[in-house]
């Protein structure tokens, strides 16, 4: 028996030259990052403006809906102080917001949830309207 030496043979691939050449190497990523950072800061300022102008022109429920949207989009951590200020202002000026108007079930539940999630002590008694809505929905 003859001893055969096994060599690891790997075929070489002969690929054609890339049509891209060195264009990816020449792109400047920091320049793109600066543009994105600038756009991000502009959008962030627009949202802060929306939160501040909502206080004077919008109904408090619309503010709560905006805050809910920011939380669900996952960007609320950029606006923590503004959100807390707005919720504190709404909670102090309109403590019975959920019971004041004839809101639908979704709106009352949303108000209750947003305030509770942000640490405000809103009792279920203030949302008695919520129980009435559920009761009416079950009867109908």
C-alpha atoms as a PDB file:
ATOM      1  CA  UNK A   1       0.000   0.000   0.000  1.00  0.00           C
ATOM      2  CA  UNK A   2       1.270   3.284  -0.942  1.00  0.00           C
ATOM      3  CA  UNK A   3       0.780   6.148   1.315  1.00  0.00           C
ATOM      4  CA  UNK A   4      -0.899   9.062  -0.405  1.00  0.00           C
ATOM      5  CA  UNK A   5      -0.448  12.517   0.882  1.00  0.00           C
ATOM      6  CA  UNK A   6      -3.762  14.289   1.041  1.00  0.00           C
ATOM      7  CA  UNK A   7      -3.469  17.929   0.430  1.00  0.00           C
ATOM      8  CA  UNK A   8      -6.269  20.247   1.121  1.00  0.00           C
ATOM      9  CA  UNK A   9      -7.061  21.458  -2.310  1.00  0.00           C
ATOM     10  CA  UNK A  10      -9.185  24.511  -2.655  1.00  0.00           C
ATOM     11  CA  UNK A  11     -10.074  25.685  -6.112  1.00  0.00           C
ATOM     12  CA  UNK A  12      -9.400  29.310  -6.738  1.00  0.00           C
ATOM     13  CA  UNK A  13     -12.250  31.348  -8.063  1.00  0.00           C
ATOM     14  CA  UNK A  14     -11.511  33.801 -10.761  1.00  0.00           C
ATOM     15  CA  UNK A  15     -14.194  36.424 -10.464  1.00  0.00           C
ATOM     16  CA  UNK A  16     -14.595  39.232 -12.892  1.00  0.00           C
ATOM     17  CA  UNK A  17     -13.697  42.704 -11.635  1.00  0.00           C
ATOM     18  CA  UNK A  18     -16.484  44.410  -9.721  1.00  0.00           C
ATOM     19  CA  UNK A  19     -18.601  46.902 -11.552  1.00  0.00           C
ATOM     20  CA  UNK A  20     -18.588  49.016  -8.393  1.00  0.00           C
ATOM     21  CA  UNK A  21     -14.811  49.396  -8.333  1.00  0.00           C
ATOM     22  CA  UNK A  22     -13.931  51.389  -5.236  1.00  0.00           C
ATOM     23  CA  UNK A  23     -17.047  53.497  -4.899  1.00  0.00           C
ATOM     24  CA  UNK A  24     -17.992  52.086  -1.513  1.00  0.00           C
ATOM     25  CA  UNK A  25     -14.604  52.969  -0.150  1.00  0.00           C
ATOM     26  CA  UNK A  26     -14.962  56.535  -1.304  1.00  0.00           C
ATOM     27  CA  UNK A  27     -18.347  57.161   0.336  1.00  0.00           C
ATOM     28  CA  UNK A  28     -18.001  59.191   3.478  1.00  0.00           C
ATOM     29  CA  UNK A  29     -20.146  57.693   6.212  1.00  0.00           C
ATOM     30  CA  UNK A  30     -19.480  60.512   8.702  1.00  0.00           C
ATOM     31  CA  UNK A  31     -20.947  62.998   6.240  1.00  0.00           C
ATOM     32  CA  UNK A  32     -24.137  60.943   5.982  1.00  0.00           C
ATOM     33  CA  UNK A  33     -24.278  60.590   9.751  1.00  0.00           C
ATOM     34  CA  UNK A  34     -24.029  64.342  10.164  1.00  0.00           C
ATOM     35  CA  UNK A  35     -26.911  64.843   7.756  1.00  0.00           C
ATOM     36  CA  UNK A  36     -29.018  62.270   9.594  1.00  0.00           C
ATOM     37  CA  UNK A  37     -28.163  63.795  12.960  1.00  0.00           C
ATOM     38  CA  UNK A  38     -29.157  67.223  11.696  1.00  0.00           C
ATOM     39  CA  UNK A  39     -32.459  65.894  10.331  1.00  0.00           C
ATOM     40  CA  UNK A  40     -33.061  63.989  13.573  1.00  0.00           C
ATOM     41  CA  UNK A  41     -32.548  67.124  15.660  1.00  0.00           C
ATOM     42  CA  UNK A  42     -34.908  69.103  13.410  1.00  0.00           C
ATOM     43  CA  UNK A  43     -37.629  66.465  13.741  1.00  0.00           C
ATOM     44  CA  UNK A  44     -37.061  66.283  17.469  1.00  0.00           C
ATOM     45  CA  UNK A  45     -37.577  70.042  17.751  1.00  0.00           C
ATOM     46  CA  UNK A  46     -40.776  69.781  15.706  1.00  0.00           C
ATOM     47  CA  UNK A  47     -42.173  67.164  18.085  1.00  0.00           C
ATOM     48  CA  UNK A  48     -41.206  69.282  21.097  1.00  0.00           C
ATOM     49  CA  UNK A  49     -43.028  72.177  19.476  1.00  0.00           C
ATOM     50  CA  UNK A  50     -46.073  69.960  18.924  1.00  0.00           C
ATOM     51  CA  UNK A  51     -46.069  69.064  22.612  1.00  0.00           C
ATOM     52  CA  UNK A  52     -45.774  72.679  23.701  1.00  0.00           C
ATOM     53  CA  UNK A  53     -48.334  74.113  21.262  1.00  0.00           C
ATOM     54  CA  UNK A  54     -50.799  71.344  22.011  1.00  0.00           C
ATOM     55  CA  UNK A  55     -51.159  72.729  25.502  1.00  0.00           C
ATOM     56  CA  UNK A  56     -52.599  76.009  24.363  1.00  0.00           C
ATOM     57  CA  UNK A  57     -54.673  74.980  21.374  1.00  0.00           C
ATOM     58  CA  UNK A  58     -55.662  71.331  21.649  1.00  0.00           C
ATOM     59  CA  UNK A  59     -57.981  69.550  24.007  1.00  0.00           C
ATOM     60  CA  UNK A  60     -56.202  67.595  26.751  1.00  0.00           C
ATOM     61  CA  UNK A  61     -57.385  64.335  25.214  1.00  0.00           C
ATOM     62  CA  UNK A  62     -55.531  65.127  22.011  1.00  0.00           C
ATOM     63  CA  UNK A  63     -52.395  65.721  24.060  1.00  0.00           C
ATOM     64  CA  UNK A  64     -52.805  62.335  25.714  1.00  0.00           C
ATOM     65  CA  UNK A  65     -53.293  60.729  22.284  1.00  0.00           C
ATOM     66  CA  UNK A  66     -50.091  62.402  21.040  1.00  0.00           C
ATOM     67  CA  UNK A  67     -48.193  61.171  24.088  1.00  0.00           C
ATOM     68  CA  UNK A  68     -49.569  57.680  23.538  1.00  0.00           C
ATOM     69  CA  UNK A  69     -48.410  57.785  19.911  1.00  0.00           C
ATOM     70  CA  UNK A  70     -44.909  58.822  20.953  1.00  0.00           C
ATOM     71  CA  UNK A  71     -44.775  55.981  23.468  1.00  0.00           C
ATOM     72  CA  UNK A  72     -45.988  53.395  20.975  1.00  0.00           C
ATOM     73  CA  UNK A  73     -43.509  54.574  18.344  1.00  0.00           C
ATOM     74  CA  UNK A  74     -40.722  54.063  20.859  1.00  0.00           C
ATOM     75  CA  UNK A  75     -39.413  57.621  20.766  1.00  0.00           C
ATOM     76  CA  UNK A  76     -40.858  58.891  24.026  1.00  0.00           C
ATOM     77  CA  UNK A  77     -37.496  58.612  25.806  1.00  0.00           C
ATOM     78  CA  UNK A  78     -36.332  61.628  23.798  1.00  0.00           C
ATOM     79  CA  UNK A  79     -39.169  63.718  25.255  1.00  0.00           C
ATOM     80  CA  UNK A  80     -39.430  62.462  28.838  1.00  0.00           C
ATOM     81  CA  UNK A  81     -39.351  65.868  30.498  1.00  0.00           C
ATOM     82  CA  UNK A  82     -41.840  67.420  28.071  1.00  0.00           C
ATOM     83  CA  UNK A  83     -44.219  64.469  28.448  1.00  0.00           C
ATOM     84  CA  UNK A  84     -44.011  64.566  32.241  1.00  0.00           C
ATOM     85  CA  UNK A  85     -44.624  68.323  32.269  1.00  0.00           C
ATOM     86  CA  UNK A  86     -47.658  68.027  30.011  1.00  0.00           C
ATOM     87  CA  UNK A  87     -49.175  65.142  31.964  1.00  0.00           C
ATOM     88  CA  UNK A  88     -48.529  66.911  35.265  1.00  0.00           C
ATOM     89  CA  UNK A  89     -50.190  70.066  33.914  1.00  0.00           C
ATOM     90  CA  UNK A  90     -53.221  68.125  32.636  1.00  0.00           C
ATOM     91  CA  UNK A  91     -53.502  66.135  35.867  1.00  0.00           C
ATOM     92  CA  UNK A  92     -53.354  69.278  38.021  1.00  0.00           C
ATOM     93  CA  UNK A  93     -55.735  71.401  35.955  1.00  0.00           C
ATOM     94  CA  UNK A  94     -58.231  68.678  34.993  1.00  0.00           C
ATOM     95  CA  UNK A  95     -58.096  65.868  37.573  1.00  0.00           C
ATOM     96  CA  UNK A  96     -61.455  64.457  36.480  1.00  0.00           C
ATOM     97  CA  UNK A  97     -60.662  64.502  32.782  1.00  0.00           C
ATOM     98  CA  UNK A  98     -61.952  60.996  32.119  1.00  0.00           C
ATOM     99  CA  UNK A  99     -65.255  61.662  33.908  1.00  0.00           C
ATOM    100  CA  UNK A 100     -65.820  65.229  32.676  1.00  0.00           C
ATOM    101  CA  UNK A 101     -66.944  64.535  29.156  1.00  0.00           C
ATOM    102  CA  UNK A 102     -68.841  61.824  27.403  1.00  0.00           C
ATOM    103  CA  UNK A 103     -65.788  60.068  25.964  1.00  0.00           C
ATOM    104  CA  UNK A 104     -65.975  56.656  24.360  1.00  0.00           C
ATOM    105  CA  UNK A 105     -64.549  53.563  26.027  1.00  0.00           C
ATOM    106  CA  UNK A 106     -61.252  53.687  24.138  1.00  0.00           C
ATOM    107  CA  UNK A 107     -60.554  57.299  25.117  1.00  0.00           C
ATOM    108  CA  UNK A 108     -61.343  56.788  28.792  1.00  0.00           C
ATOM    109  CA  UNK A 109     -59.189  53.649  28.930  1.00  0.00           C
ATOM    110  CA  UNK A 110     -56.369  55.475  27.138  1.00  0.00           C
ATOM    111  CA  UNK A 111     -56.457  58.392  29.582  1.00  0.00           C
ATOM    112  CA  UNK A 112     -56.473  56.004  32.525  1.00  0.00           C
ATOM    113  CA  UNK A 113     -53.591  53.910  31.142  1.00  0.00           C
ATOM    114  CA  UNK A 114     -51.321  56.806  30.148  1.00  0.00           C
ATOM    115  CA  UNK A 115     -51.639  58.519  33.508  1.00  0.00           C
ATOM    116  CA  UNK A 116     -51.101  55.295  35.430  1.00  0.00           C
ATOM    117  CA  UNK A 117     -48.078  54.323  33.300  1.00  0.00           C
ATOM    118  CA  UNK A 118     -46.431  57.635  34.027  1.00  0.00           C
ATOM    119  CA  UNK A 119     -46.900  57.297  37.778  1.00  0.00           C
ATOM    120  CA  UNK A 120     -49.966  59.438  38.392  1.00  0.00           C
ATOM    121  CA  UNK A 121     -52.330  58.104  41.029  1.00  0.00           C
ATOM    122  CA  UNK A 122     -55.572  58.060  39.106  1.00  0.00           C
ATOM    123  CA  UNK A 123     -58.090  55.970  40.966  1.00  0.00           C
ATOM    124  CA  UNK A 124     -60.627  53.793  39.258  1.00  0.00           C
ATOM    125  CA  UNK A 125     -63.315  55.866  40.941  1.00  0.00           C
ATOM    126  CA  UNK A 126     -62.415  58.763  38.700  1.00  0.00           C
ATOM    127  CA  UNK A 127     -63.044  56.501  35.728  1.00  0.00           C
ATOM    128  CA  UNK A 128     -66.520  55.415  36.763  1.00  0.00           C
ATOM    129  CA  UNK A 129     -67.551  56.486  33.294  1.00  0.00           C
ATOM    130  CA  UNK A 130     -65.418  53.593  32.036  1.00  0.00           C
ATOM    131  CA  UNK A 131     -67.534  51.103  33.946  1.00  0.00           C
ATOM    132  CA  UNK A 132     -70.712  52.684  32.627  1.00  0.00           C
ATOM    133  CA  UNK A 133     -69.407  52.412  29.061  1.00  0.00           C
ATOM    134  CA  UNK A 134     -68.498  48.752  29.526  1.00  0.00           C
ATOM    135  CA  UNK A 135     -71.881  48.052  31.067  1.00  0.00           C
ATOM    136  CA  UNK A 136     -73.702  49.765  28.170  1.00  0.00           C
ATOM    137  CA  UNK A 137     -71.592  47.874  25.624  1.00  0.00           C
ATOM    138  CA  UNK A 138     -72.411  44.547  27.270  1.00  0.00           C
ATOM    139  CA  UNK A 139     -76.134  45.272  27.421  1.00  0.00           C
ATOM    140  CA  UNK A 140     -76.352  46.396  23.817  1.00  0.00           C
END
